[in-house]
C-alpha atoms as a PDB file:
ATOM      1  CA  MET A   1       3.322 -16.998  21.155  1.00  0.00           C
ATOM      2  CA  ALA A   2       2.258 -13.671  19.703  1.00  0.00           C
ATOM      3  CA  SER A   3       1.329 -13.355  16.065  1.00  0.00           C
ATOM      4  CA  MET A   4       0.008 -10.752  13.676  1.00  0.00           C
ATOM      5  CA  GLN A   5      -2.308 -10.882  10.705  1.00  0.00           C
ATOM      6  CA  GLN A   6      -1.047  -9.404   7.468  1.00  0.00           C
ATOM      7  CA  VAL A   7      -2.737  -8.826   4.121  1.00  0.00           C
ATOM      8  CA  VAL A   8      -0.113 -10.186   1.715  1.00  0.00           C
ATOM      9  CA  PHE A   9       0.051  -8.553  -1.715  1.00  0.00           C
ATOM     10  CA  LYS A  10       2.415  -8.717  -4.659  1.00  0.00           C
ATOM     11  CA  LEU A  11       4.330  -6.174  -6.688  1.00  0.00           C
ATOM     12  CA  ASP A  12       6.396  -7.843  -9.395  1.00  0.00           C
ATOM     13  CA  LYS A  13       7.660 -11.065  -7.818  1.00  0.00           C
ATOM     14  CA  GLU A  14       7.984  -9.644  -4.299  1.00  0.00           C
ATOM     15  CA  GLU A  15       5.487 -10.176  -1.493  1.00  0.00           C
ATOM     16  CA  TYR A  16       4.561  -7.420   0.924  1.00  0.00           C
ATOM     17  CA  GLY A  17       2.417  -7.414   4.035  1.00  0.00           C
ATOM     18  CA  LEU A  18       0.113  -4.777   5.513  1.00  0.00           C
ATOM     19  CA  ASP A  19      -1.258  -4.969   9.043  1.00  0.00           C
ATOM     20  CA  ILE A  20      -4.853  -6.162   8.663  1.00  0.00           C
ATOM     21  CA  MET A  21      -5.949  -3.632  11.294  1.00  0.00           C
ATOM     22  CA  LYS A  22      -5.019  -0.838   8.841  1.00  0.00           C
ATOM     23  CA  VAL A  23      -6.899  -2.413   5.910  1.00  0.00           C
ATOM     24  CA  ASN A  24     -10.441  -1.212   5.351  1.00  0.00           C
ATOM     25  CA  GLY A  25     -11.145  -3.382   2.300  1.00  0.00           C
ATOM     26  CA  ILE A  26      -9.838  -4.953  -0.877  1.00  0.00           C
ATOM     27  CA  GLU A  27     -11.516  -3.776  -4.064  1.00  0.00           C
ATOM     28  CA  LYS A  28     -11.405  -4.754  -7.714  1.00  0.00           C
ATOM     29  CA  TYR A  29      -9.524  -2.211  -9.777  1.00  0.00           C
ATOM     30  CA  GLN A  30     -11.647   0.567 -11.179  1.00  0.00           C
ATOM     31  CA  GLU A  31     -10.742   3.456 -13.445  1.00  0.00           C
ATOM     32  CA  VAL A  32      -9.022   6.306 -11.651  1.00  0.00           C
ATOM     33  CA  VAL A  33      -9.753   9.962 -12.386  1.00  0.00           C
ATOM     34  CA  LYS A  34      -6.435  11.733 -12.929  1.00  0.00           C
ATOM     35  CA  VAL A  35      -5.735  14.813 -10.846  1.00  0.00           C
ATOM     36  CA  PRO A  36      -3.298  17.386 -12.286  1.00  0.00           C
ATOM     37  CA  ASN A  37      -0.253  18.658 -10.403  1.00  0.00           C
ATOM     38  CA  THR A  38       0.194  15.670  -8.090  1.00  0.00           C
ATOM     39  CA  GLN A  39       3.142  13.351  -7.544  1.00  0.00           C
ATOM     40  CA  LYS A  40       3.559  10.774 -10.328  1.00  0.00           C
ATOM     41  CA  TYR A  41       2.735   7.899  -7.943  1.00  0.00           C
ATOM     42  CA  ILE A  42      -0.611   9.471  -7.003  1.00  0.00           C
ATOM     43  CA  GLU A  43      -2.842   8.018  -9.700  1.00  0.00           C
ATOM     44  CA  GLY A  44      -5.798  10.223  -8.857  1.00  0.00           C
ATOM     45  CA  ILE A  45      -9.147   9.620  -7.179  1.00  0.00           C
ATOM     46  CA  ILE A  46     -12.048   7.169  -7.336  1.00  0.00           C
ATOM     47  CA  ASN A  47     -15.615   7.265  -6.120  1.00  0.00           C
ATOM     48  CA  LEU A  48     -15.988   4.279  -3.807  1.00  0.00           C
ATOM     49  CA  ARG A  49     -19.602   3.908  -2.695  1.00  0.00           C
ATOM     50  CA  GLY A  50     -20.087   7.675  -2.603  1.00  0.00           C
ATOM     51  CA  GLU A  51     -16.754   8.461  -0.949  1.00  0.00           C
ATOM     52  CA  VAL A  52     -13.913  10.197  -2.803  1.00  0.00           C
ATOM     53  CA  LEU A  53     -10.735   8.191  -2.271  1.00  0.00           C
ATOM     54  CA  PRO A  54      -7.183   9.205  -3.260  1.00  0.00           C
ATOM     55  CA  ILE A  55      -5.319   6.387  -5.052  1.00  0.00           C
ATOM     56  CA  TYR A  56      -1.592   5.669  -4.876  1.00  0.00           C
ATOM     57  CA  ASN A  57       0.234   3.408  -7.309  1.00  0.00           C
ATOM     58  CA  LEU A  58       2.665   1.396  -5.175  1.00  0.00           C
ATOM     59  CA  ARG A  59       4.637   0.252  -8.246  1.00  0.00           C
ATOM     60  CA  LYS A  60       5.464   3.899  -8.952  1.00  0.00           C
ATOM     61  CA  LYS A  61       6.026   4.733  -5.272  1.00  0.00           C
ATOM     62  CA  PHE A  62       8.587   1.891  -5.078  1.00  0.00           C
ATOM     63  CA  HIS A  63      10.180   2.862  -8.435  1.00  0.00           C
ATOM     64  CA  LEU A  64       9.139  -0.350 -10.228  1.00  0.00           C
ATOM     65  CA  LYS A  65       8.397  -0.449 -13.947  1.00  0.00           C
ATOM     66  CA  ASP A  66       4.810   0.038 -15.064  1.00  0.00           C
ATOM     67  CA  LYS A  67       2.550  -2.950 -15.547  1.00  0.00           C
ATOM     68  CA  ASP A  68      -0.778  -3.070 -17.327  1.00  0.00           C
ATOM     69  CA  VAL A  69      -3.876  -3.496 -15.202  1.00  0.00           C
ATOM     70  CA  ASP A  70      -5.303  -7.033 -15.366  1.00  0.00           C
ATOM     71  CA  ASP A  71      -7.921  -9.160 -13.575  1.00  0.00           C
ATOM     72  CA  GLU A  72      -5.559  -9.636 -10.611  1.00  0.00           C
ATOM     73  CA  THR A  73      -4.991  -5.891 -10.026  1.00  0.00           C
ATOM     74  CA  LYS A  74      -6.559  -4.744  -6.763  1.00  0.00           C
ATOM     75  CA  ILE A  75      -6.979  -1.596  -4.716  1.00  0.00           C
ATOM     76  CA  ILE A  76      -6.247  -2.067  -1.026  1.00  0.00           C
ATOM     77  CA  VAL A  77      -8.234   0.525   0.914  1.00  0.00           C
ATOM     78  CA  THR A  78      -6.423   1.553   4.083  1.00  0.00           C
ATOM     79  CA  PHE A  79      -7.052   3.890   6.958  1.00  0.00           C
ATOM     80  CA  THR A  80      -3.874   5.757   7.801  1.00  0.00           C
ATOM     81  CA  ASN A  81      -3.105   9.151   9.297  1.00  0.00           C
ATOM     82  CA  ASP A  82      -6.828   9.835   9.815  1.00  0.00           C
ATOM     83  CA  MET A  83      -7.758   9.313   6.167  1.00  0.00           C
ATOM     84  CA  LYS A  84      -8.794   6.565   3.775  1.00  0.00           C
ATOM     85  CA  ILE A  85      -6.388   5.942   0.916  1.00  0.00           C
ATOM     86  CA  GLY A  86      -6.355   3.279  -1.785  1.00  0.00           C
ATOM     87  CA  PHE A  87      -3.175   1.572  -2.964  1.00  0.00           C
ATOM     88  CA  ILE A  88      -3.005  -0.147  -6.367  1.00  0.00           C
ATOM     89  CA  VAL A  89      -1.197  -3.505  -6.167  1.00  0.00           C
ATOM     90  CA  ASP A  90      -0.569  -6.287  -8.701  1.00  0.00           C
ATOM     91  CA  SER A  91      -2.560  -8.837  -6.697  1.00  0.00           C
ATOM     92  CA  VAL A  92      -3.623  -9.793  -3.186  1.00  0.00           C
ATOM     93  CA  ALA A  93      -2.386 -13.241  -2.262  1.00  0.00           C
ATOM     94  CA  GLU A  94      -3.837 -14.009   1.174  1.00  0.00           C
ATOM     95  CA  ILE A  95      -4.367 -13.025   4.766  1.00  0.00           C
ATOM     96  CA  LEU A  96      -1.587 -14.612   6.760  1.00  0.00           C
ATOM     97  CA  HIS A  97      -0.863 -15.163  10.454  1.00  0.00           C
ATOM     98  CA  ILE A  98       2.816 -14.464  11.077  1.00  0.00           C
ATOM     99  CA  ASN A  99       4.469 -15.435  14.351  1.00  0.00           C
ATOM    100  CA  ASP A 100       6.615 -12.778  15.984  1.00  0.00           C
ATOM    101  CA  LYS A 101       9.551 -15.215  16.039  1.00  0.00           C
ATOM    102  CA  ASP A 102       9.503 -15.233  12.202  1.00  0.00           C
ATOM    103  CA  VAL A 103       9.936 -11.449  11.964  1.00  0.00           C
ATOM    104  CA  GLU A 104      13.323  -9.720  11.707  1.00  0.00           C
ATOM    105  CA  SER A 105      14.259  -6.060  11.578  1.00  0.00           C
ATOM    106  CA  THR A 106      14.870  -4.425   8.213  1.00  0.00           C
ATOM    107  CA  PRO A 107      18.228  -5.543   6.795  1.00  0.00           C
ATOM    108  CA  LYS A 108      20.933  -2.861   6.632  1.00  0.00           C
ATOM    109  CA  ILE A 109      21.240  -3.426   2.861  1.00  0.00           C
ATOM    110  CA  VAL A 110      17.892  -1.648   2.406  1.00  0.00           C
ATOM    111  CA  THR A 111      18.786   2.026   2.138  1.00  0.00           C
ATOM    112  CA  GLY A 112      17.297   5.247   0.912  1.00  0.00           C
ATOM    113  CA  ILE A 113      13.883   6.762   1.306  1.00  0.00           C
ATOM    114  CA  ASN A 114      12.075   3.440   0.881  1.00  0.00           C
ATOM    115  CA  ARG A 115      13.602   2.114   4.091  1.00  0.00           C
ATOM    116  CA  LYS A 116      11.232   4.190   6.217  1.00  0.00           C
ATOM    117  CA  TYR A 117       8.232   2.385   4.658  1.00  0.00           C
ATOM    118  CA  ILE A 118       9.582  -1.014   5.667  1.00  0.00           C
ATOM    119  CA  LYS A 119       8.775  -2.070   9.213  1.00  0.00           C
ATOM    120  CA  SER A 120      10.430  -5.501   9.110  1.00  0.00           C
ATOM    121  CA  VAL A 121      10.821  -8.699   7.108  1.00  0.00           C
ATOM    122  CA  ALA A 122       8.983 -11.958   7.813  1.00  0.00           C
ATOM    123  CA  LYS A 123      10.347 -15.379   6.904  1.00  0.00           C
ATOM    124  CA  VAL A 124       7.470 -17.793   6.430  1.00  0.00           C
ATOM    125  CA  ASP A 125       8.491 -21.244   5.196  1.00  0.00           C
ATOM    126  CA  GLU A 126      10.597 -20.477   2.105  1.00  0.00           C
ATOM    127  CA  ARG A 127       9.035 -17.034   1.576  1.00  0.00           C
ATOM    128  CA  MET A 128      10.279 -13.562   2.467  1.00  0.00           C
ATOM    129  CA  ILE A 129       7.519 -11.037   3.066  1.00  0.00           C
ATOM    130  CA  ILE A 130       8.382  -7.350   3.406  1.00  0.00           C
ATOM    131  CA  LEU A 131       6.152  -5.819   6.083  1.00  0.00           C
ATOM    132  CA  ILE A 132       5.122  -2.261   5.229  1.00  0.00           C
ATOM    133  CA  ASP A 133       4.596   0.557   7.729  1.00  0.00           C
ATOM    134  CA  ILE A 134       1.611   2.199   6.069  1.00  0.00           C
ATOM    135  CA  ASP A 135       1.704   5.181   8.454  1.00  0.00           C
ATOM    136  CA  GLN A 136       5.158   6.125   7.101  1.00  0.00           C
ATOM    137  CA  MET A 137       4.092   5.762   3.448  1.00  0.00           C
ATOM    138  CA  ILE A 138       2.637   9.249   3.157  1.00  0.00           C
ATOM    139  CA  SER A 139       4.601  12.347   4.104  1.00  0.00           C
ATOM    140  CA  ASP A 140       2.949  15.275   5.880  1.00  0.00           C
ATOM    141  CA  GLU A 141       3.165  17.368   2.689  1.00  0.00           C
ATOM    142  CA  GLU A 142       1.538  14.598   0.638  1.00  0.00           C
ATOM    143  CA  GLN A 143      -1.237  14.257   3.178  1.00  0.00           C
ATOM    144  CA  ILE A 144      -2.015  17.980   3.007  1.00  0.00           C
ATOM    145  CA  SER A 145      -2.099  17.952  -0.811  1.00  0.00           C
ATOM    146  CA  ILE A 146      -4.259  14.800  -0.842  1.00  0.00           C
ATOM    147  CA  GLU A 147      -6.711  16.351   1.599  1.00  0.00           C
ATOM    148  CA  GLN A 148      -6.939  19.418  -0.663  1.00  0.00           C
ATOM    149  CA  VAL A 149      -7.570  17.259  -3.749  1.00  0.00           C
ATOM    150  CA  VAL A 150     -10.310  15.283  -1.972  1.00  0.00           C
ATOM    151  CA  GLU A 151     -11.908  18.473  -0.662  1.00  0.00           C
ATOM    152  CA  GLN A 152     -11.941  20.043  -4.145  1.00  0.00           C
ATOM    153  CA  SER A 153     -13.526  16.879  -5.598  1.00  0.00           C
ATOM    154  CA  LYS A 154     -16.557  16.974  -3.319  1.00  0.00           C
END
């Protein structure tokens, strides 16, 4: 039986999964340098071991209320659309093997722009984990503006 590995993270009380093959690392939260004239969910940039990394706030991207940073807050560093991007999440729970038989397509009740970010939903024991399509998270326009911000920060 086929399975996939997902990095499971939390936003509010919900659990989300990212394909481990797209995850470059999980970092402790560090202060983000604000960049003017960007979308409200783009927090800014950080210097991660000499590399300038754009940082998204997934709470803002998913229209959730703000939450203060705490010891559990992490930055998941991903590689998507030919660039490294960090995503701020409330916490990282685990790396989980999910069997294909436990995965269902996105329910019709999920509508709007956020639907394109959701690849599917996994049912694991009593848990529901929303599997994110990280490649759909960033629009072409956002990618161009992010690349410009990173280039100007060098």
